[in-house]
Amino acid sequence: EARLQLIEKCKELAGFLKNLSHPERLAILCYLSVRPHTVTELVQLLNISQSATSQFLNRMRSEKLIDVKREKGFSFYRLGDEKLIKLMKAFEKIFCENGVKQ
């Protein structure tokens, strides 16, 4: 019973980590861990096309990693999962000595 629960949790974690395994997607999540951003802001920060940025955001929305808030005609993307918020803060402490610059 406990072993099966551990295996199920490990499968869940492996899928979660797989969703983070793309460099640009991970960079988007790093920026969103600091504050919400629009697509245009992310395009400028990452120096990738708007279409690629939108595809990354749509995929992460479908995976429930991020959500969107519409405000004054703009769509602001933000982290949408409490576990992910904690994980991104831990990543920042471990891998980004000076924090995420915007």
N, C-alpha and C. Protein backbone atom coordinates (compact mmCIF):
# COMPACT_ATOMS: atom_id res chain seq x y z
N GLU A 1 0.82 -1.21 0.00
CA GLU A 1 0.00 0.00 0.00
C GLU A 1 0.86 1.27 0.00
N ALA A 2 1.77 1.41 0.96
CA ALA A 2 2.64 2.59 1.04
C ALA A 2 3.56 2.65 -0.18
N ARG A 3 4.04 1.48 -0.62
CA ARG A 3 4.91 1.43 -1.78
C ARG A 3 4.17 1.91 -3.03
N LEU A 4 2.92 1.49 -3.20
CA LEU A 4 2.13 1.91 -4.35
C LEU A 4 1.86 3.41 -4.31
N GLN A 5 1.62 3.94 -3.12
CA GLN A 5 1.40 5.38 -2.99
C GLN A 5 2.66 6.14 -3.38
N LEU A 6 3.82 5.63 -2.95
CA LEU A 6 5.09 6.27 -3.30
C LEU A 6 5.29 6.24 -4.81
N ILE A 7 5.02 5.13 -5.44
CA ILE A 7 5.20 5.02 -6.89
C ILE A 7 4.27 5.99 -7.61
N GLU A 8 3.02 6.10 -7.16
CA GLU A 8 2.08 7.04 -7.77
C GLU A 8 2.55 8.48 -7.61
N LYS A 9 3.05 8.82 -6.43
CA LYS A 9 3.58 10.17 -6.20
C LYS A 9 4.80 10.44 -7.08
N CYS A 10 5.65 9.43 -7.24
CA CYS A 10 6.82 9.57 -8.10
C CYS A 10 6.41 9.77 -9.56
N LYS A 11 5.38 9.08 -10.01
CA LYS A 11 4.88 9.26 -11.37
C LYS A 11 4.34 10.69 -11.55
N GLU A 12 3.61 11.16 -10.55
CA GLU A 12 3.08 12.52 -10.59
C GLU A 12 4.23 13.54 -10.65
N LEU A 13 5.23 13.34 -9.82
CA LEU A 13 6.38 14.25 -9.79
C LEU A 13 7.15 14.20 -11.10
N ALA A 14 7.35 13.01 -11.67
CA ALA A 14 8.07 12.89 -12.94
C ALA A 14 7.35 13.66 -14.04
N GLY A 15 6.03 13.57 -14.09
CA GLY A 15 5.27 14.33 -15.08
C GLY A 15 5.38 15.83 -14.85
N PHE A 16 5.34 16.23 -13.60
CA PHE A 16 5.47 17.64 -13.23
C PHE A 16 6.84 18.16 -13.68
N LEU A 17 7.90 17.42 -13.38
CA LEU A 17 9.25 17.85 -13.74
C LEU A 17 9.46 17.84 -15.26
N LYS A 18 8.81 16.90 -15.95
CA LYS A 18 8.90 16.87 -17.40
C LYS A 18 8.35 18.16 -18.01
N ASN A 19 7.29 18.68 -17.39
CA ASN A 19 6.70 19.93 -17.87
C ASN A 19 7.65 21.12 -17.71
N LEU A 20 8.63 21.00 -16.85
CA LEU A 20 9.58 22.09 -16.60
C LEU A 20 10.88 21.93 -17.38
N SER A 21 11.00 20.88 -18.16
CA SER A 21 12.30 20.50 -18.72
C SER A 21 12.70 21.23 -20.00
N HIS A 22 11.97 22.21 -20.44
CA HIS A 22 12.33 22.97 -21.64
C HIS A 22 12.91 24.31 -21.19
N PRO A 23 14.07 24.71 -21.72
CA PRO A 23 14.73 25.94 -21.24
C PRO A 23 13.87 27.20 -21.33
N GLU A 24 13.18 27.42 -22.46
CA GLU A 24 12.37 28.63 -22.58
C GLU A 24 11.15 28.58 -21.65
N ARG A 25 10.56 27.42 -21.53
CA ARG A 25 9.41 27.30 -20.61
C ARG A 25 9.86 27.55 -19.18
N LEU A 26 11.00 27.03 -18.82
CA LEU A 26 11.53 27.24 -17.48
C LEU A 26 11.85 28.72 -17.26
N ALA A 27 12.39 29.38 -18.28
CA ALA A 27 12.67 30.82 -18.17
C ALA A 27 11.39 31.61 -17.98
N ILE A 28 10.34 31.25 -18.71
CA ILE A 28 9.04 31.91 -18.53
C ILE A 28 8.58 31.75 -17.09
N LEU A 29 8.68 30.55 -16.57
CA LEU A 29 8.25 30.30 -15.19
C LEU A 29 9.09 31.10 -14.19
N CYS A 30 10.38 31.25 -14.48
CA CYS A 30 11.23 32.06 -13.61
C CYS A 30 10.73 33.50 -13.57
N TYR A 31 10.45 34.07 -14.73
CA TYR A 31 9.94 35.44 -14.77
C TYR A 31 8.58 35.55 -14.08
N LEU A 32 7.72 34.58 -14.31
CA LEU A 32 6.40 34.62 -13.69
C LEU A 32 6.46 34.40 -12.18
N SER A 33 7.54 33.82 -11.70
CA SER A 33 7.67 33.62 -10.25
C SER A 33 7.93 34.95 -9.54
N VAL A 34 8.38 35.95 -10.30
CA VAL A 34 8.64 37.27 -9.73
C VAL A 34 7.37 38.12 -9.74
N ARG A 35 6.69 38.10 -10.89
CA ARG A 35 5.44 38.87 -11.02
C ARG A 35 4.72 38.44 -12.30
N PRO A 36 3.44 38.76 -12.41
CA PRO A 36 2.72 38.45 -13.65
C PRO A 36 3.28 39.26 -14.83
N HIS A 37 3.18 38.69 -16.03
CA HIS A 37 3.69 39.34 -17.23
C HIS A 37 2.70 39.15 -18.37
N THR A 38 2.74 40.08 -19.33
CA THR A 38 2.00 39.92 -20.58
C THR A 38 2.87 39.15 -21.57
N VAL A 39 2.26 38.69 -22.66
CA VAL A 39 3.01 38.00 -23.71
C VAL A 39 4.10 38.93 -24.25
N THR A 40 3.75 40.18 -24.49
CA THR A 40 4.71 41.14 -25.05
C THR A 40 5.92 41.31 -24.14
N GLU A 41 5.70 41.40 -22.85
CA GLU A 41 6.82 41.52 -21.90
C GLU A 41 7.71 40.29 -21.95
N LEU A 42 7.09 39.12 -21.99
CA LEU A 42 7.87 37.87 -22.03
C LEU A 42 8.67 37.75 -23.33
N VAL A 43 8.07 38.17 -24.44
CA VAL A 43 8.77 38.15 -25.73
C VAL A 43 10.04 39.00 -25.63
N GLN A 44 9.91 40.18 -25.05
CA GLN A 44 11.07 41.08 -24.92
C GLN A 44 12.12 40.50 -23.97
N LEU A 45 11.68 39.91 -22.87
CA LEU A 45 12.62 39.35 -21.90
C LEU A 45 13.37 38.14 -22.44
N LEU A 46 12.67 37.30 -23.21
CA LEU A 46 13.24 36.04 -23.67
C LEU A 46 13.88 36.11 -25.05
N ASN A 47 13.51 37.16 -25.80
CA ASN A 47 14.01 37.31 -27.16
C ASN A 47 13.64 36.10 -28.04
N ILE A 48 12.40 35.65 -27.91
CA ILE A 48 11.85 34.62 -28.80
C ILE A 48 10.57 35.16 -29.41
N SER A 49 10.07 34.52 -30.44
CA SER A 49 8.92 35.04 -31.17
C SER A 49 7.66 35.04 -30.30
N GLN A 50 6.73 35.91 -30.70
CA GLN A 50 5.45 35.96 -29.99
C GLN A 50 4.69 34.66 -30.15
N SER A 51 4.78 34.07 -31.33
CA SER A 51 4.05 32.82 -31.55
C SER A 51 4.60 31.69 -30.69
N ALA A 52 5.93 31.60 -30.56
CA ALA A 52 6.53 30.57 -29.70
C ALA A 52 6.17 30.81 -28.23
N THR A 53 6.23 32.08 -27.82
CA THR A 53 5.88 32.42 -26.44
C THR A 53 4.44 32.04 -26.16
N SER A 54 3.54 32.37 -27.07
CA SER A 54 2.12 32.04 -26.89
C SER A 54 1.90 30.53 -26.83
N GLN A 55 2.62 29.79 -27.66
CA GLN A 55 2.51 28.32 -27.63
C GLN A 55 2.96 27.77 -26.28
N PHE A 56 4.09 28.28 -25.77
CA PHE A 56 4.57 27.84 -24.45
C PHE A 56 3.53 28.16 -23.38
N LEU A 57 2.98 29.37 -23.42
CA LEU A 57 2.00 29.79 -22.41
C LEU A 57 0.73 28.93 -22.49
N ASN A 58 0.25 28.68 -23.71
CA ASN A 58 -0.95 27.87 -23.86
C ASN A 58 -0.75 26.46 -23.34
N ARG A 59 0.41 25.89 -23.62
CA ARG A 59 0.70 24.54 -23.12
C ARG A 59 0.75 24.54 -21.60
N MET A 60 1.41 25.52 -21.02
CA MET A 60 1.51 25.57 -19.56
C MET A 60 0.16 25.85 -18.91
N ARG A 61 -0.69 26.60 -19.59
CA ARG A 61 -2.07 26.80 -19.08
C ARG A 61 -2.83 25.48 -19.10
N SER A 62 -2.70 24.73 -20.18
CA SER A 62 -3.42 23.45 -20.28
C SER A 62 -2.93 22.46 -19.23
N GLU A 63 -1.67 22.61 -18.82
CA GLU A 63 -1.10 21.74 -17.78
C GLU A 63 -1.36 22.27 -16.37
N LYS A 64 -2.08 23.39 -16.30
CA LYS A 64 -2.46 24.02 -15.02
C LYS A 64 -1.25 24.55 -14.24
N LEU A 65 -0.16 24.85 -14.94
CA LEU A 65 1.02 25.42 -14.29
C LEU A 65 0.86 26.92 -14.11
N ILE A 66 0.18 27.55 -15.07
CA ILE A 66 -0.03 28.99 -15.00
C ILE A 66 -1.50 29.28 -15.24
N ASP A 67 -1.89 30.50 -14.88
CA ASP A 67 -3.23 30.96 -15.23
C ASP A 67 -3.11 32.38 -15.75
N VAL A 68 -4.22 32.92 -16.20
CA VAL A 68 -4.21 34.24 -16.82
C VAL A 68 -5.28 35.11 -16.16
N LYS A 69 -4.94 36.37 -15.99
CA LYS A 69 -5.88 37.35 -15.46
C LYS A 69 -5.98 38.48 -16.48
N ARG A 70 -7.20 38.78 -16.88
CA ARG A 70 -7.40 39.87 -17.85
C ARG A 70 -7.70 41.14 -17.08
N GLU A 71 -6.95 42.20 -17.44
CA GLU A 71 -7.08 43.46 -16.72
C GLU A 71 -6.83 44.61 -17.68
N LYS A 72 -7.81 45.49 -17.83
CA LYS A 72 -7.68 46.69 -18.66
C LYS A 72 -7.23 46.35 -20.08
N GLY A 73 -7.79 45.30 -20.66
CA GLY A 73 -7.49 44.92 -22.02
C GLY A 73 -6.21 44.12 -22.20
N PHE A 74 -5.52 43.80 -21.12
CA PHE A 74 -4.29 43.02 -21.19
C PHE A 74 -4.49 41.68 -20.49
N SER A 75 -3.77 40.68 -20.97
CA SER A 75 -3.76 39.37 -20.32
C SER A 75 -2.44 39.22 -19.57
N PHE A 76 -2.54 39.04 -18.26
CA PHE A 76 -1.36 38.87 -17.42
C PHE A 76 -1.26 37.41 -17.01
N TYR A 77 -0.14 36.80 -17.35
CA TYR A 77 0.10 35.40 -17.00
C TYR A 77 0.82 35.34 -15.66
N ARG A 78 0.46 34.35 -14.85
CA ARG A 78 1.06 34.19 -13.53
C ARG A 78 1.11 32.71 -13.19
N LEU A 79 1.95 32.38 -12.22
CA LEU A 79 2.01 30.99 -11.76
C LEU A 79 0.67 30.63 -11.15
N GLY A 80 0.19 29.42 -11.46
CA GLY A 80 -1.14 29.05 -11.03
C GLY A 80 -1.19 27.85 -10.10
N ASP A 81 -0.04 27.38 -9.67
CA ASP A 81 0.01 26.16 -8.85
C ASP A 81 0.89 26.43 -7.64
N GLU A 82 0.36 26.21 -6.45
CA GLU A 82 1.09 26.52 -5.21
C GLU A 82 2.39 25.71 -5.10
N LYS A 83 2.38 24.46 -5.52
CA LYS A 83 3.60 23.65 -5.49
C LYS A 83 4.65 24.25 -6.41
N LEU A 84 4.21 24.72 -7.57
CA LEU A 84 5.13 25.31 -8.54
C LEU A 84 5.72 26.60 -7.99
N ILE A 85 4.93 27.41 -7.33
CA ILE A 85 5.43 28.65 -6.74
C ILE A 85 6.55 28.34 -5.75
N LYS A 86 6.33 27.37 -4.88
CA LYS A 86 7.35 26.98 -3.91
C LYS A 86 8.59 26.43 -4.60
N LEU A 87 8.40 25.62 -5.63
CA LEU A 87 9.52 25.03 -6.35
C LEU A 87 10.34 26.10 -7.06
N MET A 88 9.68 27.07 -7.70
CA MET A 88 10.40 28.12 -8.41
C MET A 88 11.20 28.97 -7.44
N LYS A 89 10.67 29.23 -6.26
CA LYS A 89 11.41 29.98 -5.24
C LYS A 89 12.65 29.20 -4.81
N ALA A 90 12.51 27.89 -4.66
CA ALA A 90 13.65 27.05 -4.30
C ALA A 90 14.69 27.05 -5.42
N PHE A 91 14.24 26.93 -6.68
CA PHE A 91 15.17 26.98 -7.82
C PHE A 91 15.94 28.29 -7.82
N GLU A 92 15.23 29.38 -7.57
CA GLU A 92 15.88 30.69 -7.57
C GLU A 92 16.97 30.75 -6.49
N LYS A 93 16.68 30.26 -5.30
CA LYS A 93 17.67 30.26 -4.22
C LYS A 93 18.88 29.41 -4.58
N ILE A 94 18.64 28.28 -5.21
CA ILE A 94 19.73 27.35 -5.50
C ILE A 94 20.53 27.77 -6.74
N PHE A 95 19.86 28.20 -7.81
CA PHE A 95 20.52 28.39 -9.09
C PHE A 95 20.74 29.85 -9.49
N CYS A 96 20.03 30.79 -8.88
CA CYS A 96 20.12 32.19 -9.29
C CYS A 96 20.59 33.03 -8.11
N GLU A 97 21.88 33.13 -7.95
CA GLU A 97 22.44 33.81 -6.78
C GLU A 97 21.93 35.23 -6.63
N ASN A 98 21.78 35.95 -7.74
CA ASN A 98 21.37 37.34 -7.69
C ASN A 98 19.90 37.53 -8.00
N GLY A 99 19.13 36.48 -8.00
CA GLY A 99 17.71 36.59 -8.31
C GLY A 99 17.47 36.69 -9.81
N VAL A 100 16.19 36.73 -10.16
CA VAL A 100 15.79 36.85 -11.56
C VAL A 100 15.69 38.32 -11.89
N LYS A 101 16.45 38.77 -12.88
CA LYS A 101 16.45 40.19 -13.29
C LYS A 101 15.40 40.41 -14.36
N GLN A 102 14.71 41.56 -14.24
CA GLN A 102 13.71 41.91 -15.25
C GLN A 102 13.97 43.29 -15.74
